[in-house]
Amino acid sequence: MAEIRGIDCKVYFDTGSGYVEWQCVRNTTVNLTFDETDATCRGSGGYRQNAVTVASLEVTGDAVKDKADASFVAIEAAAVAKTTLPMLVMDGDRTVAESDGWQFDGQIFSWEEAQGYEDIVVVSFTIKPARGSAPALVSGPIGV
């Protein structure tokens, strides 16, 4: 199996008429973390034992601010309006069987705009599953 290149990974959102790629995204990180609870018992030999409880999914990244890009404008509007968007974050094209990733209804929890003097304007974002949305690990093809 060949390595997966970051440039081939995709972030999509559904506008109501199908998934659209958010093309001005530069970097993303998918964070899957778990809370834990103490599961130590007397039979543990004096060692603390733990058990996984609630999982958290978070997608962070940055995107070039491009008002000519309809996908950027739609995501920015969702951030400002605090609305939920169906999201798909894949390690490749959603139409390819070898691609997999996360599908969930997401909300933008942070939208930070860096306006460096000698840089292009970049927005850093954090997207998390919205209330009532159960994230699912999915494989392509999706929405074909």
Protein backbone atom coordinates (compact mmCIF):
# COMPACT_ATOMS: atom_id res chain seq x y z
CA MET A 1 0.00 0.00 0.00
CA ALA A 2 1.32 3.43 -0.91
CA GLU A 3 1.72 6.22 1.59
CA ILE A 4 -1.04 8.84 1.80
CA ARG A 5 -0.01 12.37 0.88
CA GLY A 6 -1.52 15.27 2.81
CA ILE A 7 -2.16 17.18 -0.41
CA ASP A 8 -4.59 14.43 -1.46
CA CYS A 9 -6.73 14.74 1.70
CA LYS A 10 -10.05 16.59 1.40
CA VAL A 11 -12.57 18.47 3.54
CA TYR A 12 -16.14 18.50 2.24
CA PHE A 13 -19.41 20.00 3.42
CA ASP A 14 -22.94 19.43 2.17
CA THR A 15 -24.81 22.45 0.86
CA GLY A 16 -28.08 20.54 0.60
CA SER A 17 -27.41 19.42 -2.95
CA GLY A 18 -24.41 17.18 -2.28
CA TYR A 19 -20.90 17.39 -0.93
CA VAL A 20 -18.67 20.26 -2.06
CA GLU A 21 -14.92 20.34 -1.48
CA TRP A 22 -13.58 23.19 0.64
CA GLN A 23 -10.73 23.92 -1.75
CA CYS A 24 -8.89 26.74 0.04
CA VAL A 25 -8.05 24.53 3.06
CA ARG A 26 -4.30 24.19 3.52
CA ASN A 27 -3.69 22.04 6.56
CA THR A 28 -6.00 19.92 8.69
CA THR A 29 -5.59 17.72 11.72
CA VAL A 30 -8.16 15.15 12.80
CA ASN A 31 -8.02 14.64 16.57
CA LEU A 32 -9.73 11.61 18.09
CA THR A 33 -9.28 11.58 21.87
CA PHE A 34 -10.87 9.66 24.73
CA ASP A 35 -11.74 10.52 28.30
CA GLU A 36 -10.88 7.92 30.87
CA THR A 37 -12.04 6.70 34.23
CA ASP A 38 -10.27 4.91 37.04
CA ALA A 39 -11.01 1.17 36.80
CA THR A 40 -8.55 0.06 39.46
CA CYS A 41 -9.54 -2.91 41.59
CA ARG A 42 -7.89 -4.92 44.35
CA GLY A 43 -6.83 -7.59 41.87
CA SER A 44 -4.75 -5.12 39.83
CA GLY A 45 -1.52 -6.01 41.63
CA GLY A 46 -1.13 -2.49 42.97
CA TYR A 47 -1.28 -0.88 39.53
CA ARG A 48 -3.79 1.74 38.51
CA GLN A 49 -6.05 0.56 35.70
CA ASN A 50 -8.10 2.78 33.39
CA ALA A 51 -11.01 2.44 31.01
CA VAL A 52 -11.96 4.56 28.00
CA THR A 53 -15.22 6.49 28.30
CA VAL A 54 -16.39 9.32 26.03
CA ALA A 55 -14.67 9.99 22.69
CA SER A 56 -14.08 13.46 21.25
CA LEU A 57 -13.59 14.28 17.57
CA GLU A 58 -12.14 17.61 16.51
CA VAL A 59 -10.94 18.87 13.13
CA THR A 60 -8.52 21.78 13.21
CA GLY A 61 -6.76 23.49 10.38
CA ASP A 62 -6.27 26.61 8.36
CA ALA A 63 -7.55 27.96 5.08
CA VAL A 64 -6.67 30.82 2.79
CA LYS A 65 -9.26 33.60 3.08
CA ASP A 66 -10.68 33.82 -0.44
CA LYS A 67 -13.97 35.69 -0.87
CA ALA A 68 -14.08 34.52 -4.53
CA ASP A 69 -14.27 30.88 -3.32
CA ALA A 70 -17.95 30.02 -2.75
CA SER A 71 -17.01 27.22 -0.34
CA PHE A 72 -15.01 29.60 1.86
CA VAL A 73 -17.89 32.10 1.89
CA ALA A 74 -20.37 29.36 2.89
CA ILE A 75 -18.15 28.04 5.71
CA GLU A 76 -17.49 31.56 7.00
CA ALA A 77 -21.24 32.29 6.98
CA ALA A 78 -21.88 29.07 8.94
CA ALA A 79 -19.24 30.12 11.49
CA VAL A 80 -20.78 33.55 12.00
CA ALA A 81 -24.35 32.21 12.12
CA LYS A 82 -23.37 29.28 14.41
CA THR A 83 -25.13 26.86 12.07
CA THR A 84 -24.50 23.17 11.59
CA LEU A 85 -23.06 21.74 8.36
CA PRO A 86 -22.84 18.10 7.26
CA MET A 87 -19.07 17.50 7.07
CA LEU A 88 -16.87 14.86 5.50
CA VAL A 89 -13.13 14.80 6.25
CA MET A 90 -11.34 12.22 4.08
CA ASP A 91 -7.76 11.05 3.49
CA GLY A 92 -8.44 11.17 -0.25
CA ASP A 93 -11.18 11.83 -2.76
CA ARG A 94 -14.65 10.85 -1.47
CA THR A 95 -15.39 8.98 -4.73
CA VAL A 96 -12.45 6.59 -4.35
CA ALA A 97 -12.92 3.24 -2.58
CA GLU A 98 -9.52 3.44 -0.84
CA SER A 99 -10.36 6.75 0.89
CA ASP A 100 -11.69 6.85 4.42
CA GLY A 101 -12.44 9.47 7.02
CA TRP A 102 -15.10 10.97 9.26
CA GLN A 103 -18.67 12.00 8.47
CA PHE A 104 -20.63 14.16 10.95
CA ASP A 105 -22.78 17.25 11.36
CA GLY A 106 -20.30 19.85 12.48
CA GLN A 107 -20.19 23.32 13.93
CA ILE A 108 -17.31 25.78 13.79
CA PHE A 109 -16.11 26.39 17.35
CA SER A 110 -13.26 28.76 16.51
CA TRP A 111 -12.52 31.03 13.55
CA GLU A 112 -9.27 32.93 13.93
CA GLU A 113 -7.98 35.23 11.20
CA ALA A 114 -4.24 35.96 10.94
CA GLN A 115 -3.45 39.17 9.06
CA GLY A 116 0.34 39.13 8.90
CA TYR A 117 1.86 42.20 7.26
CA GLU A 118 3.81 40.23 4.64
CA ASP A 119 1.55 37.17 4.50
CA ILE A 120 -1.62 36.09 2.78
CA VAL A 121 -4.62 36.17 5.14
CA VAL A 122 -5.24 32.74 6.68
CA VAL A 123 -8.10 31.59 8.88
CA SER A 124 -7.51 28.92 11.53
CA PHE A 125 -10.58 26.90 12.44
CA THR A 126 -11.86 24.23 14.80
CA ILE A 127 -14.83 22.06 13.81
CA LYS A 128 -16.52 19.61 16.19
CA PRO A 129 -19.59 17.38 15.95
CA ALA A 130 -22.79 19.22 16.81
CA ARG A 131 -25.34 18.09 19.37
CA GLY A 132 -27.35 15.18 18.02
CA SER A 133 -24.62 14.18 15.58
CA ALA A 134 -22.88 10.85 15.98
CA PRO A 135 -19.63 10.87 13.97
CA ALA A 136 -19.05 7.82 11.80
CA LEU A 137 -15.83 6.43 10.38
CA VAL A 138 -16.64 5.97 6.67
CA SER A 139 -15.00 4.66 3.50
CA GLY A 140 -15.45 5.86 -0.06
CA PRO A 141 -17.24 6.18 -2.28
CA ILE A 142 -19.47 8.67 -0.45
CA GLY A 143 -22.32 10.59 -2.07
CA VAL A 144 -21.66 9.32 -5.58
